[in-house]
Amino acid sequence: MGFFGKSKSEKEAATKADTTTSVMKLRQAVEDQEKREGHLQRKIDLTTQDAKAKMARGDKKGAMFAMKKKKLYEKEMDKIMNVKMTLETQQMNLESATHNAETFKAMHNGTSAMSKIRKLVGIEKVDDMMDDMRDEMDATDEISNALAQPLDPMMDDDADLLAELDQLEREDIDSRFPSAPWGRMQPKKTSTATSSVSSTSKNKIPLRASAW
């Protein structure tokens, strides 16, 4: 609370209470006018019956007086209807204004909340967070790739090992056949078969074509 007056929340509460009280008073005023309207309507009905009864008895003067009273009641009824319309219009306007004030307050609170959130988050903070997320994802990928690497330390030496095995195999063969080097183990080609084939082809006697 301030030194010279009420706080903002207390003023708002007081205004809301005053508005509620005003609406209730307007409703009560409308109800009072409706009660008065019903009372006058009963008087109009009674006055009408009285005028008919006096006309039936031949009392024209009394009947005219009853009809004048009826007209006065009817004019009062018109006034009451106008007052009711004014009160109901004022009630609806006040209720609408109260509703608009509540709506404005809710919208204002929503706007203030959005402004606070925007200031709390901020586009720069969002960009920084996204950069951090990308860095963390890259680091996670590097860790995954490192964990997926094979643990065989000799994998890159396969070619050297195969060459060494080939050398061992050659040495093993040389040790078992010391007088048969690799060049001597290959069988020599002879031309015997070729010469025999050629001589045979020379000695062949051509067949005569039989005449048919």
C-alpha atoms as a PDB file:
ATOM      1  CA  MET A   1       0.000   0.000   0.000  1.00  0.00           C
ATOM      2  CA  GLY A   2       1.253   3.486  -0.806  1.00  0.00           C
ATOM      3  CA  PHE A   3       1.576   6.189   1.792  1.00  0.00           C
ATOM      4  CA  PHE A   4      -1.264   8.339   0.429  1.00  0.00           C
ATOM      5  CA  GLY A   5      -3.552   5.693  -0.937  1.00  0.00           C
ATOM      6  CA  LYS A   6      -4.260   2.094  -1.738  1.00  0.00           C
ATOM      7  CA  SER A   7      -2.127  -0.234  -3.791  1.00  0.00           C
ATOM      8  CA  LYS A   8      -2.965  -1.124  -7.379  1.00  0.00           C
ATOM      9  CA  SER A   9      -4.353  -4.543  -6.468  1.00  0.00           C
ATOM     10  CA  GLU A  10      -6.533  -3.058  -3.746  1.00  0.00           C
ATOM     11  CA  LYS A  11      -7.854  -0.429  -6.140  1.00  0.00           C
ATOM     12  CA  GLU A  12      -8.689  -3.081  -8.711  1.00  0.00           C
ATOM     13  CA  ALA A  13     -10.459  -5.160  -6.076  1.00  0.00           C
ATOM     14  CA  ALA A  14     -12.409  -2.110  -4.889  1.00  0.00           C
ATOM     15  CA  THR A  15     -13.384  -1.228  -8.470  1.00  0.00           C
ATOM     16  CA  LYS A  16     -14.569  -4.775  -9.110  1.00  0.00           C
ATOM     17  CA  ALA A  17     -16.599  -4.738  -5.893  1.00  0.00           C
ATOM     18  CA  ASP A  18     -18.171  -1.395  -6.823  1.00  0.00           C
ATOM     19  CA  THR A  19     -19.048  -2.705 -10.271  1.00  0.00           C
ATOM     20  CA  THR A  20     -20.632  -5.833  -8.827  1.00  0.00           C
ATOM     21  CA  THR A  21     -22.604  -3.731  -6.354  1.00  0.00           C
ATOM     22  CA  SER A  22     -23.803  -1.420  -9.115  1.00  0.00           C
ATOM     23  CA  VAL A  23     -24.976  -4.342 -11.244  1.00  0.00           C
ATOM     24  CA  MET A  24     -26.853  -5.822  -8.305  1.00  0.00           C
ATOM     25  CA  LYS A  25     -28.530  -2.479  -7.573  1.00  0.00           C
ATOM     26  CA  LEU A  26     -29.585  -2.128 -11.195  1.00  0.00           C
ATOM     27  CA  ARG A  27     -31.097  -5.604 -11.146  1.00  0.00           C
ATOM     28  CA  GLN A  28     -32.922  -4.776  -7.951  1.00  0.00           C
ATOM     29  CA  ALA A  29     -34.247  -1.549  -9.493  1.00  0.00           C
ATOM     30  CA  VAL A  30     -35.549  -3.491 -12.500  1.00  0.00           C
ATOM     31  CA  GLU A  31     -37.280  -5.963 -10.195  1.00  0.00           C
ATOM     32  CA  ASP A  32     -38.889  -3.072  -8.263  1.00  0.00           C
ATOM     33  CA  GLN A  33     -40.181  -1.553 -11.487  1.00  0.00           C
ATOM     34  CA  GLU A  34     -41.602  -4.921 -12.523  1.00  0.00           C
ATOM     35  CA  LYS A  35     -43.420  -5.208  -9.180  1.00  0.00           C
ATOM     36  CA  ARG A  36     -44.847  -1.732  -9.632  1.00  0.00           C
ATOM     37  CA  GLU A  37     -45.799  -2.584 -13.183  1.00  0.00           C
ATOM     38  CA  GLY A  38     -47.725  -5.630 -11.975  1.00  0.00           C
ATOM     39  CA  HIS A  39     -49.470  -3.559  -9.319  1.00  0.00           C
ATOM     40  CA  LEU A  40     -50.578  -0.941 -11.862  1.00  0.00           C
ATOM     41  CA  GLN A  41     -51.751  -3.652 -14.259  1.00  0.00           C
ATOM     42  CA  ARG A  42     -54.043  -5.021 -11.558  1.00  0.00           C
ATOM     43  CA  LYS A  43     -55.400  -1.503 -10.956  1.00  0.00           C
ATOM     44  CA  ILE A  44     -56.039  -1.071 -14.672  1.00  0.00           C
ATOM     45  CA  ASP A  45     -57.950  -4.348 -14.762  1.00  0.00           C
ATOM     46  CA  LEU A  46     -60.042  -3.378 -11.711  1.00  0.00           C
ATOM     47  CA  THR A  47     -60.730   0.101 -13.099  1.00  0.00           C
ATOM     48  CA  THR A  48     -61.855  -1.399 -16.394  1.00  0.00           C
ATOM     49  CA  GLN A  49     -64.251  -3.741 -14.603  1.00  0.00           C
ATOM     50  CA  ASP A  50     -65.554  -0.817 -12.508  1.00  0.00           C
ATOM     51  CA  ALA A  51     -66.204   1.256 -15.621  1.00  0.00           C
ATOM     52  CA  LYS A  52     -68.152  -1.613 -17.212  1.00  0.00           C
ATOM     53  CA  ALA A  53     -70.213  -2.129 -14.080  1.00  0.00           C
ATOM     54  CA  LYS A  54     -71.120   1.571 -13.846  1.00  0.00           C
ATOM     55  CA  MET A  55     -72.072   1.690 -17.514  1.00  0.00           C
ATOM     56  CA  ALA A  56     -74.335  -1.305 -16.895  1.00  0.00           C
ATOM     57  CA  ARG A  57     -76.033   0.619 -14.071  1.00  0.00           C
ATOM     58  CA  GLY A  58     -76.355   3.726 -16.240  1.00  0.00           C
ATOM     59  CA  ASP A  59     -73.783   5.718 -14.294  1.00  0.00           C
ATOM     60  CA  LYS A  60     -72.007   7.381 -17.181  1.00  0.00           C
ATOM     61  CA  LYS A  61     -70.302   9.963 -15.006  1.00  0.00           C
ATOM     62  CA  GLY A  62     -68.820   7.267 -12.739  1.00  0.00           C
ATOM     63  CA  ALA A  63     -67.810   5.227 -15.794  1.00  0.00           C
ATOM     64  CA  MET A  64     -66.036   8.228 -17.343  1.00  0.00           C
ATOM     65  CA  PHE A  65     -64.196   8.863 -14.083  1.00  0.00           C
ATOM     66  CA  ALA A  66     -63.059   5.201 -14.009  1.00  0.00           C
ATOM     67  CA  MET A  67     -61.829   5.460 -17.582  1.00  0.00           C
ATOM     68  CA  LYS A  68     -59.779   8.576 -16.745  1.00  0.00           C
ATOM     69  CA  LYS A  69     -58.122   6.694 -13.891  1.00  0.00           C
ATOM     70  CA  LYS A  70     -57.381   3.861 -16.274  1.00  0.00           C
ATOM     71  CA  LYS A  71     -55.660   6.301 -18.683  1.00  0.00           C
ATOM     72  CA  LEU A  72     -53.518   7.662 -15.838  1.00  0.00           C
ATOM     73  CA  TYR A  73     -52.486   4.140 -14.879  1.00  0.00           C
ATOM     74  CA  GLU A  74     -51.656   3.329 -18.470  1.00  0.00           C
ATOM     75  CA  LYS A  75     -49.466   6.447 -18.780  1.00  0.00           C
ATOM     76  CA  GLU A  76     -47.681   5.418 -15.614  1.00  0.00           C
ATOM     77  CA  MET A  77     -47.220   1.968 -17.101  1.00  0.00           C
ATOM     78  CA  ASP A  78     -45.551   3.523 -20.153  1.00  0.00           C
ATOM     79  CA  LYS A  79     -43.201   5.462 -17.887  1.00  0.00           C
ATOM     80  CA  ILE A  80     -42.327   2.288 -15.987  1.00  0.00           C
ATOM     81  CA  MET A  81     -41.592   0.459 -19.239  1.00  0.00           C
ATOM     82  CA  ASN A  82     -39.249   3.272 -20.325  1.00  0.00           C
ATOM     83  CA  VAL A  83     -37.516   3.259 -16.929  1.00  0.00           C
ATOM     84  CA  LYS A  84     -37.106  -0.517 -17.128  1.00  0.00           C
ATOM     85  CA  MET A  85     -35.608  -0.236 -20.582  1.00  0.00           C
ATOM     86  CA  THR A  86     -33.146   2.399 -19.353  1.00  0.00           C
ATOM     87  CA  LEU A  87     -32.170   0.349 -16.298  1.00  0.00           C
ATOM     88  CA  GLU A  88     -31.729  -2.857 -18.305  1.00  0.00           C
ATOM     89  CA  THR A  89     -29.669  -1.027 -20.933  1.00  0.00           C
ATOM     90  CA  GLN A  90     -27.445   0.451 -18.231  1.00  0.00           C
ATOM     91  CA  GLN A  91     -27.109  -2.978 -16.609  1.00  0.00           C
ATOM     92  CA  MET A  92     -26.087  -4.607 -19.877  1.00  0.00           C
ATOM     93  CA  ASN A  93     -23.599  -1.821 -20.624  1.00  0.00           C
ATOM     94  CA  LEU A  94     -22.073  -2.101 -17.170  1.00  0.00           C
ATOM     95  CA  GLU A  95     -21.797  -5.879 -17.429  1.00  0.00           C
ATOM     96  CA  SER A  96     -20.269  -5.518 -20.884  1.00  0.00           C
ATOM     97  CA  ALA A  97     -17.782  -2.932 -19.596  1.00  0.00           C
ATOM     98  CA  THR A  98     -16.854  -5.236 -16.711  1.00  0.00           C
ATOM     99  CA  HIS A  99     -16.372  -8.117 -19.121  1.00  0.00           C
ATOM    100  CA  ASN A 100     -14.247  -5.919 -21.396  1.00  0.00           C
ATOM    101  CA  ALA A 101     -12.135  -4.851 -18.439  1.00  0.00           C
ATOM    102  CA  GLU A 102     -11.570  -8.472 -17.429  1.00  0.00           C
ATOM    103  CA  THR A 103     -10.722  -9.363 -21.025  1.00  0.00           C
ATOM    104  CA  PHE A 104      -8.279  -6.449 -21.266  1.00  0.00           C
ATOM    105  CA  LYS A 105      -6.671  -7.465 -17.998  1.00  0.00           C
ATOM    106  CA  ALA A 106      -6.257 -11.065 -19.203  1.00  0.00           C
ATOM    107  CA  MET A 107      -4.799  -9.904 -22.519  1.00  0.00           C
ATOM    108  CA  HIS A 108      -2.479  -7.474 -20.729  1.00  0.00           C
ATOM    109  CA  ASN A 109      -1.260 -10.220 -18.417  1.00  0.00           C
ATOM    110  CA  GLY A 110      -0.711 -12.511 -21.396  1.00  0.00           C
ATOM    111  CA  THR A 111       1.252  -9.827 -23.237  1.00  0.00           C
ATOM    112  CA  SER A 112       3.374  -9.140 -20.157  1.00  0.00           C
ATOM    113  CA  ALA A 113       4.070 -12.854 -19.732  1.00  0.00           C
ATOM    114  CA  MET A 114       5.103 -13.168 -23.384  1.00  0.00           C
ATOM    115  CA  SER A 115       7.386 -10.133 -23.027  1.00  0.00           C
ATOM    116  CA  LYS A 116       9.052 -11.639 -19.952  1.00  0.00           C
ATOM    117  CA  ILE A 117       9.539 -14.969 -21.729  1.00  0.00           C
ATOM    118  CA  ARG A 118      11.000 -13.219 -24.779  1.00  0.00           C
ATOM    119  CA  LYS A 119      13.415 -11.257 -22.611  1.00  0.00           C
ATOM    120  CA  LEU A 120      14.311 -14.410 -20.695  1.00  0.00           C
ATOM    121  CA  VAL A 121      14.955 -16.463 -23.822  1.00  0.00           C
ATOM    122  CA  GLY A 122      16.046 -13.981 -26.489  1.00  0.00           C
ATOM    123  CA  ILE A 123      17.079 -14.820 -30.039  1.00  0.00           C
ATOM    124  CA  GLU A 124      20.790 -14.630 -29.168  1.00  0.00           C
ATOM    125  CA  LYS A 125      20.378 -17.121 -26.366  1.00  0.00           C
ATOM    126  CA  VAL A 126      18.493 -19.432 -28.713  1.00  0.00           C
ATOM    127  CA  ASP A 127      21.311 -19.184 -31.292  1.00  0.00           C
ATOM    128  CA  ASP A 128      23.904 -19.913 -28.613  1.00  0.00           C
ATOM    129  CA  MET A 129      21.917 -22.900 -27.403  1.00  0.00           C
ATOM    130  CA  MET A 130      21.621 -24.270 -30.944  1.00  0.00           C
ATOM    131  CA  ASP A 131      25.386 -23.869 -31.448  1.00  0.00           C
ATOM    132  CA  ASP A 132      26.012 -25.721 -28.195  1.00  0.00           C
ATOM    133  CA  MET A 133      23.674 -28.490 -29.308  1.00  0.00           C
ATOM    134  CA  ARG A 134      25.531 -28.842 -32.611  1.00  0.00           C
ATOM    135  CA  ASP A 135      28.880 -28.995 -30.796  1.00  0.00           C
ATOM    136  CA  GLU A 136      27.576 -31.673 -28.457  1.00  0.00           C
ATOM    137  CA  MET A 137      26.198 -33.693 -31.384  1.00  0.00           C
ATOM    138  CA  ASP A 138      29.543 -33.459 -33.217  1.00  0.00           C
ATOM    139  CA  ALA A 139      31.386 -34.556 -30.074  1.00  0.00           C
ATOM    140  CA  THR A 140      28.981 -37.463 -29.672  1.00  0.00           C
ATOM    141  CA  ASP A 141      29.600 -38.546 -33.280  1.00  0.00           C
ATOM    142  CA  GLU A 142      33.366 -38.414 -32.730  1.00  0.00           C
ATOM    143  CA  ILE A 143      33.060 -40.551 -29.614  1.00  0.00           C
ATOM    144  CA  SER A 144      30.835 -43.057 -31.445  1.00  0.00           C
ATOM    145  CA  ASN A 145      33.274 -43.303 -34.338  1.00  0.00           C
ATOM    146  CA  ALA A 146      36.178 -43.780 -31.929  1.00  0.00           C
ATOM    147  CA  LEU A 147      34.355 -46.564 -30.101  1.00  0.00           C
ATOM    148  CA  ALA A 148      33.486 -48.251 -33.402  1.00  0.00           C
ATOM    149  CA  GLN A 149      37.120 -48.602 -34.495  1.00  0.00           C
ATOM    150  CA  PRO A 150      38.512 -52.195 -34.431  1.00  0.00           C
ATOM    151  CA  LEU A 151      40.997 -53.194 -31.753  1.00  0.00           C
ATOM    152  CA  ASP A 152      43.203 -55.487 -33.973  1.00  0.00           C
ATOM    153  CA  PRO A 153      46.655 -53.817 -33.967  1.00  0.00           C
ATOM    154  CA  MET A 154      47.876 -55.964 -36.896  1.00  0.00           C
ATOM    155  CA  MET A 155      45.039 -55.110 -39.293  1.00  0.00           C
ATOM    156  CA  ASP A 156      47.131 -52.645 -41.268  1.00  0.00           C
ATOM    157  CA  ASP A 157      50.053 -55.204 -41.648  1.00  0.00           C
ATOM    158  CA  ASP A 158      48.167 -57.846 -43.665  1.00  0.00           C
ATOM    159  CA  ALA A 159      50.147 -57.204 -46.862  1.00  0.00           C
ATOM    160  CA  ASP A 160      53.467 -57.523 -45.057  1.00  0.00           C
ATOM    161  CA  LEU A 161      52.358 -60.720 -43.350  1.00  0.00           C
ATOM    162  CA  LEU A 162      51.255 -62.267 -46.635  1.00  0.00           C
ATOM    163  CA  ALA A 163      54.635 -61.422 -48.167  1.00  0.00           C
ATOM    164  CA  GLU A 164      56.403 -62.940 -45.182  1.00  0.00           C
ATOM    165  CA  LEU A 165      54.309 -66.130 -45.457  1.00  0.00           C
ATOM    166  CA  ASP A 166      55.169 -66.404 -49.141  1.00  0.00           C
ATOM    167  CA  GLN A 167      58.844 -66.057 -48.307  1.00  0.00           C
ATOM    168  CA  LEU A 168      58.577 -68.759 -45.651  1.00  0.00           C
ATOM    169  CA  GLU A 169      56.883 -71.056 -48.134  1.00  0.00           C
ATOM    170  CA  ARG A 170      59.704 -70.536 -50.654  1.00  0.00           C
ATOM    171  CA  GLU A 171      62.307 -71.182 -48.001  1.00  0.00           C
ATOM    172  CA  ASP A 172      60.512 -74.380 -46.966  1.00  0.00           C
ATOM    173  CA  ILE A 173      60.520 -75.646 -50.556  1.00  0.00           C
ATOM    174  CA  ASP A 174      64.182 -74.768 -50.992  1.00  0.00           C
ATOM    175  CA  SER A 175      65.055 -76.622 -47.807  1.00  0.00           C
ATOM    176  CA  ARG A 176      63.298 -79.779 -49.003  1.00  0.00           C
ATOM    177  CA  PHE A 177      64.658 -79.577 -52.537  1.00  0.00           C
ATOM    178  CA  PRO A 178      68.068 -77.960 -52.219  1.00  0.00           C
ATOM    179  CA  SER A 179      69.283 -79.135 -55.715  1.00  0.00           C
ATOM    180  CA  ALA A 180      66.078 -78.131 -57.445  1.00  0.00           C
ATOM    181  CA  PRO A 181      65.828 -74.415 -57.678  1.00  0.00           C
ATOM    182  CA  TRP A 182      62.649 -72.847 -58.845  1.00  0.00           C
ATOM    183  CA  GLY A 183      63.825 -72.565 -62.411  1.00  0.00           C
ATOM    184  CA  ARG A 184      64.931 -76.254 -62.646  1.00  0.00           C
ATOM    185  CA  MET A 185      61.672 -77.593 -61.217  1.00  0.00           C
ATOM    186  CA  GLN A 186      59.841 -76.472 -64.305  1.00  0.00           C
ATOM    187  CA  PRO A 187      59.758 -79.336 -66.926  1.00  0.00           C
ATOM    188  CA  LYS A 188      61.542 -78.606 -70.187  1.00  0.00           C
ATOM    189  CA  LYS A 189      59.489 -78.627 -73.312  1.00  0.00           C
ATOM    190  CA  THR A 190      60.591 -81.112 -75.977  1.00  0.00           C
ATOM    191  CA  SER A 191      59.989 -81.025 -79.692  1.00  0.00           C
ATOM    192  CA  THR A 192      59.641 -84.858 -80.008  1.00  0.00           C
ATOM    193  CA  ALA A 193      55.927 -84.823 -80.102  1.00  0.00           C
ATOM    194  CA  THR A 194      55.945 -82.018 -82.562  1.00  0.00           C
ATOM    195  CA  SER A 195      58.402 -83.713 -84.915  1.00  0.00           C
ATOM    196  CA  SER A 196      56.564 -87.017 -84.743  1.00  0.00           C
ATOM    197  CA  VAL A 197      53.310 -85.295 -85.525  1.00  0.00           C
ATOM    198  CA  SER A 198      54.838 -83.476 -88.471  1.00  0.00           C
ATOM    199  CA  SER A 199      56.455 -86.658 -89.822  1.00  0.00           C
ATOM    200  CA  THR A 200      53.251 -88.544 -89.461  1.00  0.00           C
ATOM    201  CA  SER A 201      51.394 -85.873 -91.341  1.00  0.00           C
ATOM    202  CA  LYS A 202      53.996 -86.086 -94.092  1.00  0.00           C
ATOM    203  CA  ASN A 203      53.697 -89.879 -94.463  1.00  0.00           C
ATOM    204  CA  LYS A 204      49.948 -89.831 -94.632  1.00  0.00           C
ATOM    205  CA  ILE A 205      48.591 -90.900 -98.029  1.00  0.00           C
ATOM    206  CA  PRO A 206      45.795 -88.694 -99.229  1.00  0.00           C
ATOM    207  CA  LEU A 207      42.581 -90.518 -99.887  1.00  0.00           C
ATOM    208  CA  ARG A 208      41.140 -90.339-103.268  1.00  0.00           C
ATOM    209  CA  ALA A 209      37.740 -88.928-103.536  1.00  0.00           C
ATOM    210  CA  SER A 210      35.433 -91.710-104.546  1.00  0.00           C
ATOM    211  CA  ALA A 211      33.414 -91.009-107.598  1.00  0.00           C
ATOM    212  CA  TRP A 212      29.732 -91.459-107.189  1.00  0.00           C
END
